[in-house]
Amino acid sequence: MLVPKIVIVKKDSMMFTHTLNTWLLAHLFHPFLFFGFMFLQYPEETGIEDMGILMFFFVVALLLSTPAFVLLRLALYGISNLILSAYEKFFLWLIAAPVAIILNFLGLMLVTKQAVNLDEFYFILPSIMAAIISVLLRTRSFFQLQTNIKSLNQS
């Protein structure tokens, strides 16, 4: 009876590691994409001195995006258990990342009791772009994860 528990723990650990690595990779790109986005929006107000803010921004973004990480972790678990091809699962994973970011943003708006204004949604575009880039860069890892999960389920 101990074998199924070990398989579940190993499967869960692999999915957690994949989600964590994808999330951290997105955070590596996010400050630079955000700075570039702000430079394109406000070129006269954004200067090289603002690059010092990137480290602070990185830490704050990690903390504020923790709910999105949890949502993605749950989404990957659900996606991995679907009876679909690996390509269909990857497509769902690619959609889940931006959806988790949007839900996280809406949740932050509700927690801070701010009105949800569509004009503020362009601030999350760099986050969405970073997540999509991260998922695309980790494509091979996703397919390897699906192969490993399939082999664990069969054993």
N, C-alpha and C. Protein backbone atom coordinates (compact mmCIF):
# COMPACT_ATOMS: atom_id res chain seq x y z
N MET A 1 0.80 -1.20 0.00
CA MET A 1 0.00 0.00 0.00
C MET A 1 0.84 1.26 0.00
N LEU A 2 2.10 1.17 0.28
CA LEU A 2 2.96 2.33 0.36
C LEU A 2 3.37 2.84 -1.02
N VAL A 3 3.38 1.98 -2.01
CA VAL A 3 3.84 2.34 -3.35
C VAL A 3 3.01 3.46 -3.98
N PRO A 4 1.66 3.41 -3.97
CA PRO A 4 0.90 4.50 -4.58
C PRO A 4 1.20 5.86 -3.95
N LYS A 5 1.41 5.89 -2.63
CA LYS A 5 1.71 7.16 -1.98
C LYS A 5 3.05 7.72 -2.47
N ILE A 6 4.04 6.88 -2.64
CA ILE A 6 5.34 7.32 -3.14
C ILE A 6 5.21 7.86 -4.56
N VAL A 7 4.42 7.22 -5.39
CA VAL A 7 4.22 7.68 -6.76
C VAL A 7 3.54 9.04 -6.77
N ILE A 8 2.54 9.22 -5.92
CA ILE A 8 1.82 10.50 -5.86
C ILE A 8 2.76 11.60 -5.39
N VAL A 9 3.57 11.33 -4.38
CA VAL A 9 4.50 12.33 -3.87
C VAL A 9 5.52 12.70 -4.94
N LYS A 10 6.03 11.71 -5.66
CA LYS A 10 7.03 12.00 -6.70
C LYS A 10 6.40 12.81 -7.83
N LYS A 11 5.19 12.45 -8.23
CA LYS A 11 4.48 13.18 -9.29
C LYS A 11 4.22 14.62 -8.84
N ASP A 12 3.76 14.78 -7.61
CA ASP A 12 3.48 16.10 -7.07
C ASP A 12 4.75 16.94 -6.99
N SER A 13 5.84 16.31 -6.59
CA SER A 13 7.12 17.01 -6.49
C SER A 13 7.61 17.48 -7.86
N MET A 14 7.45 16.63 -8.87
CA MET A 14 7.87 17.02 -10.23
C MET A 14 7.04 18.19 -10.75
N MET A 15 5.74 18.17 -10.49
CA MET A 15 4.88 19.26 -10.96
C MET A 15 5.19 20.55 -10.20
N PHE A 16 5.45 20.44 -8.90
CA PHE A 16 5.81 21.62 -8.11
C PHE A 16 7.11 22.23 -8.64
N THR A 17 8.10 21.39 -8.90
CA THR A 17 9.39 21.88 -9.40
C THR A 17 9.24 22.54 -10.76
N HIS A 18 8.44 21.96 -11.63
CA HIS A 18 8.23 22.56 -12.96
C HIS A 18 7.55 23.92 -12.83
N THR A 19 6.52 23.99 -12.00
CA THR A 19 5.82 25.26 -11.81
C THR A 19 6.74 26.30 -11.21
N LEU A 20 7.51 25.92 -10.20
CA LEU A 20 8.43 26.86 -9.55
C LEU A 20 9.47 27.38 -10.53
N ASN A 21 10.07 26.50 -11.31
CA ASN A 21 11.09 26.93 -12.26
C ASN A 21 10.52 27.84 -13.34
N THR A 22 9.31 27.54 -13.81
CA THR A 22 8.68 28.38 -14.82
C THR A 22 8.36 29.75 -14.23
N TRP A 23 7.85 29.77 -13.01
CA TRP A 23 7.50 31.02 -12.32
C TRP A 23 8.75 31.87 -12.09
N LEU A 24 9.84 31.26 -11.64
CA LEU A 24 11.07 32.00 -11.39
C LEU A 24 11.68 32.53 -12.69
N LEU A 25 11.61 31.73 -13.75
CA LEU A 25 12.12 32.20 -15.04
C LEU A 25 11.32 33.41 -15.54
N ALA A 26 10.02 33.38 -15.35
CA ALA A 26 9.19 34.52 -15.73
C ALA A 26 9.59 35.75 -14.93
N HIS A 27 9.93 35.55 -13.66
CA HIS A 27 10.34 36.69 -12.83
C HIS A 27 11.71 37.22 -13.22
N LEU A 28 12.49 36.42 -13.86
CA LEU A 28 13.78 36.90 -14.36
C LEU A 28 13.57 37.89 -15.51
N PHE A 29 12.59 37.63 -16.36
CA PHE A 29 12.29 38.50 -17.50
C PHE A 29 11.42 39.69 -17.13
N HIS A 30 10.56 39.51 -16.14
CA HIS A 30 9.53 40.49 -15.84
C HIS A 30 10.04 41.91 -15.59
N PRO A 31 11.05 42.14 -14.72
CA PRO A 31 11.48 43.53 -14.49
C PRO A 31 11.99 44.21 -15.75
N PHE A 32 12.71 43.48 -16.58
CA PHE A 32 13.25 44.07 -17.80
C PHE A 32 12.15 44.37 -18.81
N LEU A 33 11.18 43.47 -18.92
CA LEU A 33 10.05 43.73 -19.81
C LEU A 33 9.23 44.90 -19.30
N PHE A 34 9.05 44.98 -17.98
CA PHE A 34 8.29 46.09 -17.41
C PHE A 34 9.01 47.41 -17.65
N PHE A 35 10.33 47.43 -17.44
CA PHE A 35 11.11 48.65 -17.68
C PHE A 35 11.04 49.05 -19.15
N GLY A 36 11.18 48.07 -20.06
CA GLY A 36 11.07 48.37 -21.49
C GLY A 36 9.69 48.86 -21.86
N PHE A 37 8.66 48.27 -21.27
CA PHE A 37 7.29 48.68 -21.53
C PHE A 37 7.07 50.11 -21.06
N MET A 38 7.57 50.43 -19.87
CA MET A 38 7.42 51.80 -19.35
C MET A 38 8.21 52.79 -20.21
N PHE A 39 9.37 52.36 -20.70
CA PHE A 39 10.16 53.24 -21.56
C PHE A 39 9.41 53.53 -22.85
N LEU A 40 8.73 52.53 -23.40
CA LEU A 40 7.96 52.74 -24.63
C LEU A 40 6.74 53.62 -24.37
N GLN A 41 6.15 53.50 -23.18
CA GLN A 41 4.97 54.30 -22.85
C GLN A 41 5.34 55.74 -22.49
N TYR A 42 6.41 55.89 -21.70
CA TYR A 42 6.82 57.21 -21.20
C TYR A 42 8.33 57.39 -21.42
N PRO A 43 8.76 57.59 -22.67
CA PRO A 43 10.21 57.64 -22.94
C PRO A 43 10.92 58.82 -22.26
N GLU A 44 10.26 59.94 -22.11
CA GLU A 44 10.92 61.09 -21.51
C GLU A 44 10.99 61.00 -19.99
N GLU A 45 10.16 60.17 -19.39
CA GLU A 45 10.14 60.06 -17.93
C GLU A 45 10.91 58.85 -17.42
N THR A 46 11.31 57.95 -18.29
CA THR A 46 12.01 56.73 -17.88
C THR A 46 13.46 56.85 -18.29
N GLY A 47 14.34 56.77 -17.30
CA GLY A 47 15.77 56.89 -17.58
C GLY A 47 16.55 55.73 -17.00
N ILE A 48 17.83 55.75 -17.25
CA ILE A 48 18.70 54.68 -16.78
C ILE A 48 18.77 54.65 -15.26
N GLU A 49 18.52 55.76 -14.60
CA GLU A 49 18.53 55.78 -13.14
C GLU A 49 17.40 54.92 -12.56
N ASP A 50 16.39 54.66 -13.36
CA ASP A 50 15.29 53.81 -12.91
C ASP A 50 15.67 52.34 -12.88
N MET A 51 16.81 51.98 -13.45
CA MET A 51 17.24 50.59 -13.44
C MET A 51 17.51 50.11 -12.01
N GLY A 52 17.85 51.03 -11.11
CA GLY A 52 18.08 50.66 -9.72
C GLY A 52 16.82 50.15 -9.04
N ILE A 53 15.70 50.52 -9.56
CA ILE A 53 14.42 50.10 -9.00
C ILE A 53 14.14 48.64 -9.35
N LEU A 54 14.82 48.11 -10.36
CA LEU A 54 14.54 46.75 -10.82
C LEU A 54 14.69 45.70 -9.72
N MET A 55 15.69 45.83 -8.87
CA MET A 55 15.88 44.84 -7.81
C MET A 55 14.73 44.90 -6.81
N PHE A 56 14.34 46.08 -6.42
CA PHE A 56 13.20 46.24 -5.53
C PHE A 56 11.94 45.70 -6.19
N PHE A 57 11.78 46.00 -7.46
CA PHE A 57 10.62 45.55 -8.22
C PHE A 57 10.59 44.02 -8.28
N PHE A 58 11.75 43.40 -8.43
CA PHE A 58 11.85 41.95 -8.50
C PHE A 58 11.32 41.31 -7.21
N VAL A 59 11.72 41.84 -6.07
CA VAL A 59 11.30 41.28 -4.79
C VAL A 59 9.81 41.50 -4.56
N VAL A 60 9.32 42.69 -4.85
CA VAL A 60 7.90 42.99 -4.67
C VAL A 60 7.05 42.12 -5.60
N ALA A 61 7.50 41.96 -6.84
CA ALA A 61 6.75 41.16 -7.80
C ALA A 61 6.69 39.70 -7.36
N LEU A 62 7.77 39.18 -6.78
CA LEU A 62 7.76 37.81 -6.27
C LEU A 62 6.70 37.65 -5.17
N LEU A 63 6.65 38.60 -4.28
CA LEU A 63 5.69 38.51 -3.18
C LEU A 63 4.25 38.65 -3.67
N LEU A 64 4.02 39.61 -4.54
CA LEU A 64 2.65 39.87 -5.00
C LEU A 64 2.13 38.79 -5.94
N SER A 65 3.03 38.05 -6.56
CA SER A 65 2.59 37.04 -7.52
C SER A 65 2.48 35.64 -6.92
N THR A 66 2.66 35.53 -5.64
CA THR A 66 2.55 34.22 -4.99
C THR A 66 1.18 33.58 -5.21
N PRO A 67 0.08 34.33 -5.16
CA PRO A 67 -1.22 33.70 -5.47
C PRO A 67 -1.27 33.14 -6.90
N ALA A 68 -0.65 33.81 -7.84
CA ALA A 68 -0.61 33.31 -9.22
C ALA A 68 0.18 32.00 -9.28
N PHE A 69 1.25 31.91 -8.50
CA PHE A 69 2.02 30.67 -8.43
C PHE A 69 1.16 29.52 -7.93
N VAL A 70 0.39 29.78 -6.88
CA VAL A 70 -0.49 28.74 -6.33
C VAL A 70 -1.55 28.34 -7.36
N LEU A 71 -2.12 29.32 -8.04
CA LEU A 71 -3.10 29.02 -9.08
C LEU A 71 -2.49 28.18 -10.20
N LEU A 72 -1.27 28.53 -10.60
CA LEU A 72 -0.60 27.77 -11.66
C LEU A 72 -0.26 26.36 -11.19
N ARG A 73 0.09 26.24 -9.94
CA ARG A 73 0.39 24.91 -9.39
C ARG A 73 -0.84 24.02 -9.46
N LEU A 74 -1.98 24.58 -9.08
CA LEU A 74 -3.23 23.84 -9.15
C LEU A 74 -3.63 23.56 -10.60
N ALA A 75 -3.40 24.54 -11.47
CA ALA A 75 -3.74 24.36 -12.89
C ALA A 75 -2.90 23.25 -13.51
N LEU A 76 -1.61 23.21 -13.19
CA LEU A 76 -0.75 22.16 -13.76
C LEU A 76 -1.19 20.78 -13.27
N TYR A 77 -1.59 20.69 -12.02
CA TYR A 77 -2.08 19.42 -11.50
C TYR A 77 -3.33 18.98 -12.28
N GLY A 78 -4.25 19.92 -12.47
CA GLY A 78 -5.47 19.60 -13.21
C GLY A 78 -5.19 19.26 -14.66
N ILE A 79 -4.33 20.03 -15.30
CA ILE A 79 -4.00 19.81 -16.71
C ILE A 79 -3.31 18.45 -16.88
N SER A 80 -2.41 18.12 -15.99
CA SER A 80 -1.66 16.87 -16.11
C SER A 80 -2.55 15.65 -15.94
N ASN A 81 -3.66 15.80 -15.23
CA ASN A 81 -4.56 14.66 -15.01
C ASN A 81 -5.63 14.53 -16.08
N LEU A 82 -5.67 15.45 -17.03
CA LEU A 82 -6.64 15.36 -18.12
C LEU A 82 -6.21 14.27 -19.10
N ILE A 83 -7.20 13.68 -19.74
CA ILE A 83 -6.90 12.66 -20.77
C ILE A 83 -6.86 13.39 -22.11
N LEU A 84 -5.74 14.02 -22.37
CA LEU A 84 -5.50 14.77 -23.61
C LEU A 84 -4.10 14.46 -24.09
N SER A 85 -3.81 14.84 -25.31
CA SER A 85 -2.44 14.68 -25.80
C SER A 85 -1.54 15.69 -25.10
N ALA A 86 -0.26 15.44 -25.15
CA ALA A 86 0.70 16.35 -24.51
C ALA A 86 0.65 17.74 -25.14
N TYR A 87 0.38 17.81 -26.45
CA TYR A 87 0.29 19.10 -27.13
C TYR A 87 -0.92 19.89 -26.66
N GLU A 88 -2.04 19.21 -26.44
CA GLU A 88 -3.23 19.89 -25.94
C GLU A 88 -3.02 20.36 -24.50
N LYS A 89 -2.33 19.56 -23.72
CA LYS A 89 -2.02 19.96 -22.35
C LYS A 89 -1.09 21.17 -22.35
N PHE A 90 -0.12 21.18 -23.26
CA PHE A 90 0.78 22.32 -23.35
C PHE A 90 0.02 23.59 -23.73
N PHE A 91 -0.91 23.48 -24.65
CA PHE A 91 -1.73 24.63 -25.04
C PHE A 91 -2.52 25.16 -23.84
N LEU A 92 -3.08 24.27 -23.04
CA LEU A 92 -3.81 24.68 -21.84
C LEU A 92 -2.87 25.34 -20.83
N TRP A 93 -1.66 24.82 -20.71
CA TRP A 93 -0.66 25.40 -19.80
C TRP A 93 -0.27 26.80 -20.27
N LEU A 94 -0.17 26.97 -21.57
CA LEU A 94 0.16 28.27 -22.14
C LEU A 94 -0.96 29.28 -21.89
N ILE A 95 -2.18 28.84 -21.87
CA ILE A 95 -3.32 29.71 -21.57
C ILE A 95 -3.44 29.96 -20.07
N ALA A 96 -3.10 28.96 -19.26
CA ALA A 96 -3.27 29.07 -17.81
C ALA A 96 -2.38 30.15 -17.21
N ALA A 97 -1.19 30.35 -17.75
CA ALA A 97 -0.27 31.34 -17.18
C ALA A 97 -0.84 32.76 -17.25
N PRO A 98 -1.28 33.24 -18.42
CA PRO A 98 -1.88 34.59 -18.44
C PRO A 98 -3.17 34.69 -17.62
N VAL A 99 -3.96 33.63 -17.63
CA VAL A 99 -5.20 33.66 -16.85
C VAL A 99 -4.90 33.79 -15.36
N ALA A 100 -3.89 33.07 -14.87
CA ALA A 100 -3.51 33.17 -13.46
C ALA A 100 -3.03 34.58 -13.12
N ILE A 101 -2.32 35.21 -14.03
CA ILE A 101 -1.84 36.57 -13.80
C ILE A 101 -3.02 37.55 -13.73
N ILE A 102 -3.96 37.39 -14.63
CA ILE A 102 -5.14 38.27 -14.62
C ILE A 102 -5.95 38.06 -13.34
N LEU A 103 -6.15 36.82 -12.95
CA LEU A 103 -6.88 36.54 -11.71
C LEU A 103 -6.13 37.09 -10.49
N ASN A 104 -4.82 36.97 -10.50
CA ASN A 104 -4.01 37.52 -9.41
C ASN A 104 -4.16 39.04 -9.34
N PHE A 105 -4.13 39.69 -10.49
CA PHE A 105 -4.29 41.15 -10.56
C PHE A 105 -5.67 41.56 -10.03
N LEU A 106 -6.69 40.85 -10.47
CA LEU A 106 -8.05 41.16 -10.00
C LEU A 106 -8.17 40.93 -8.49
N GLY A 107 -7.55 39.88 -8.00
CA GLY A 107 -7.55 39.61 -6.56
C GLY A 107 -6.86 40.70 -5.77
N LEU A 108 -5.73 41.19 -6.30
CA LEU A 108 -5.03 42.29 -5.63
C LEU A 108 -5.87 43.55 -5.63
N MET A 109 -6.60 43.78 -6.71
CA MET A 109 -7.48 44.95 -6.75
C MET A 109 -8.59 44.83 -5.70
N LEU A 110 -9.13 43.64 -5.54
CA LEU A 110 -10.18 43.43 -4.55
C LEU A 110 -9.66 43.56 -3.12
N VAL A 111 -8.47 43.00 -2.87
CA VAL A 111 -7.89 43.05 -1.53
C VAL A 111 -7.56 44.49 -1.13
N THR A 112 -7.05 45.27 -2.07
CA THR A 112 -6.70 46.66 -1.77
C THR A 112 -7.90 47.59 -1.90
N LYS A 113 -9.06 47.02 -2.21
CA LYS A 113 -10.32 47.76 -2.33
C LYS A 113 -10.26 48.88 -3.37
N GLN A 114 -9.52 48.62 -4.43
CA GLN A 114 -9.47 49.56 -5.54
C GLN A 114 -10.46 49.11 -6.59
N ALA A 115 -11.02 50.09 -7.26
CA ALA A 115 -11.94 49.77 -8.36
C ALA A 115 -11.12 49.18 -9.50
N VAL A 116 -11.66 48.16 -10.13
CA VAL A 116 -10.99 47.54 -11.26
C VAL A 116 -11.20 48.44 -12.47
N ASN A 117 -10.11 49.01 -12.93
CA ASN A 117 -10.13 49.94 -14.04
C ASN A 117 -9.42 49.30 -15.22
N LEU A 118 -10.08 49.25 -16.35
CA LEU A 118 -9.47 48.62 -17.53
C LEU A 118 -8.22 49.34 -18.00
N ASP A 119 -8.09 50.63 -17.66
CA ASP A 119 -6.89 51.36 -18.05
C ASP A 119 -5.65 50.85 -17.34
N GLU A 120 -5.82 50.21 -16.19
CA GLU A 120 -4.67 49.70 -15.44
C GLU A 120 -4.23 48.31 -15.90
N PHE A 121 -5.01 47.70 -16.76
CA PHE A 121 -4.66 46.36 -17.23
C PHE A 121 -3.40 46.36 -18.08
N TYR A 122 -3.04 47.48 -18.67
CA TYR A 122 -1.82 47.46 -19.49
C TYR A 122 -0.58 47.32 -18.62
N PHE A 123 -0.69 47.53 -17.32
CA PHE A 123 0.45 47.33 -16.43
C PHE A 123 0.79 45.85 -16.25
N ILE A 124 -0.18 44.97 -16.51
CA ILE A 124 0.12 43.54 -16.37
C ILE A 124 0.57 42.90 -17.68
N LEU A 125 0.59 43.67 -18.76
CA LEU A 125 1.07 43.11 -20.04
C LEU A 125 2.50 42.59 -19.96
N PRO A 126 3.44 43.30 -19.31
CA PRO A 126 4.79 42.73 -19.19
C PRO A 126 4.80 41.41 -18.40
N SER A 127 3.94 41.30 -17.41
CA SER A 127 3.85 40.05 -16.65
C SER A 127 3.35 38.91 -17.53
N ILE A 128 2.35 39.20 -18.32
CA ILE A 128 1.80 38.19 -19.22
C ILE A 128 2.83 37.79 -20.26
N MET A 129 3.53 38.78 -20.81
CA MET A 129 4.58 38.47 -21.80
C MET A 129 5.68 37.63 -21.17
N ALA A 130 6.09 37.96 -19.94
CA ALA A 130 7.15 37.19 -19.26
C ALA A 130 6.70 35.75 -19.01
N ALA A 131 5.44 35.58 -18.64
CA ALA A 131 4.92 34.23 -18.39
C ALA A 131 4.89 33.41 -19.68
N ILE A 132 4.43 34.02 -20.76
CA ILE A 132 4.37 33.31 -22.04
C ILE A 132 5.76 32.94 -22.51
N ILE A 133 6.70 33.86 -22.40
CA ILE A 133 8.09 33.58 -22.79
C ILE A 133 8.64 32.43 -21.94
N SER A 134 8.37 32.48 -20.65
CA SER A 134 8.86 31.44 -19.75
C SER A 134 8.28 30.07 -20.10
N VAL A 135 6.98 30.02 -20.35
CA VAL A 135 6.35 28.74 -20.72
C VAL A 135 6.93 28.23 -22.04
N LEU A 136 7.10 29.12 -23.00
CA LEU A 136 7.64 28.70 -24.30
C LEU A 136 9.08 28.22 -24.19
N LEU A 137 9.88 28.89 -23.36
CA LEU A 137 11.27 28.46 -23.19
C LEU A 137 11.36 27.11 -22.48
N ARG A 138 10.37 26.78 -21.69
CA ARG A 138 10.39 25.53 -20.95
C ARG A 138 9.50 24.46 -21.60
N THR A 139 9.29 24.58 -22.89
CA THR A 139 8.46 23.62 -23.63
C THR A 139 8.99 22.20 -23.48
N ARG A 140 10.26 22.01 -23.72
CA ARG A 140 10.84 20.67 -23.64
C ARG A 140 10.68 20.09 -22.23
N SER A 141 10.86 20.92 -21.24
CA SER A 141 10.70 20.48 -19.86
C SER A 141 9.26 20.06 -19.58
N PHE A 142 8.30 20.79 -20.16
CA PHE A 142 6.89 20.43 -19.98
C PHE A 142 6.61 19.06 -20.58
N PHE A 143 7.09 18.82 -21.79
CA PHE A 143 6.84 17.53 -22.44
C PHE A 143 7.55 16.40 -21.70
N GLN A 144 8.73 16.68 -21.15
CA GLN A 144 9.43 15.67 -20.36
C GLN A 144 8.64 15.37 -19.08
N LEU A 145 8.09 16.41 -18.48
CA LEU A 145 7.26 16.22 -17.29
C LEU A 145 6.05 15.35 -17.61
N GLN A 146 5.39 15.61 -18.73
CA GLN A 146 4.22 14.81 -19.10
C GLN A 146 4.60 13.35 -19.36
N THR A 147 5.75 13.13 -19.97
CA THR A 147 6.24 11.77 -20.21
C THR A 147 6.51 11.07 -18.88
N ASN A 148 7.15 11.77 -17.95
CA ASN A 148 7.45 11.18 -16.65
C ASN A 148 6.17 10.86 -15.87
N ILE A 149 5.21 11.77 -15.92
CA ILE A 149 3.94 11.54 -15.22
C ILE A 149 3.21 10.35 -15.83
N LYS A 150 3.24 10.26 -17.15
CA LYS A 150 2.58 9.13 -17.82
C LYS A 150 3.22 7.81 -17.42
N SER A 151 4.54 7.78 -17.35
CA SER A 151 5.22 6.54 -16.96
C SER A 151 4.96 6.21 -15.50
N LEU A 152 4.86 7.23 -14.63
CA LEU A 152 4.53 6.96 -13.23
C LEU A 152 3.10 6.43 -13.08
N ASN A 153 2.19 6.98 -13.88
CA ASN A 153 0.81 6.52 -13.81
C ASN A 153 0.66 5.08 -14.29
N GLN A 154 1.50 4.69 -15.23
CA GLN A 154 1.43 3.33 -15.76
C GLN A 154 2.07 2.30 -14.86
N SER A 155 2.97 2.76 -13.99
CA SER A 155 3.66 1.79 -13.11
C SER A 155 2.87 1.51 -11.84
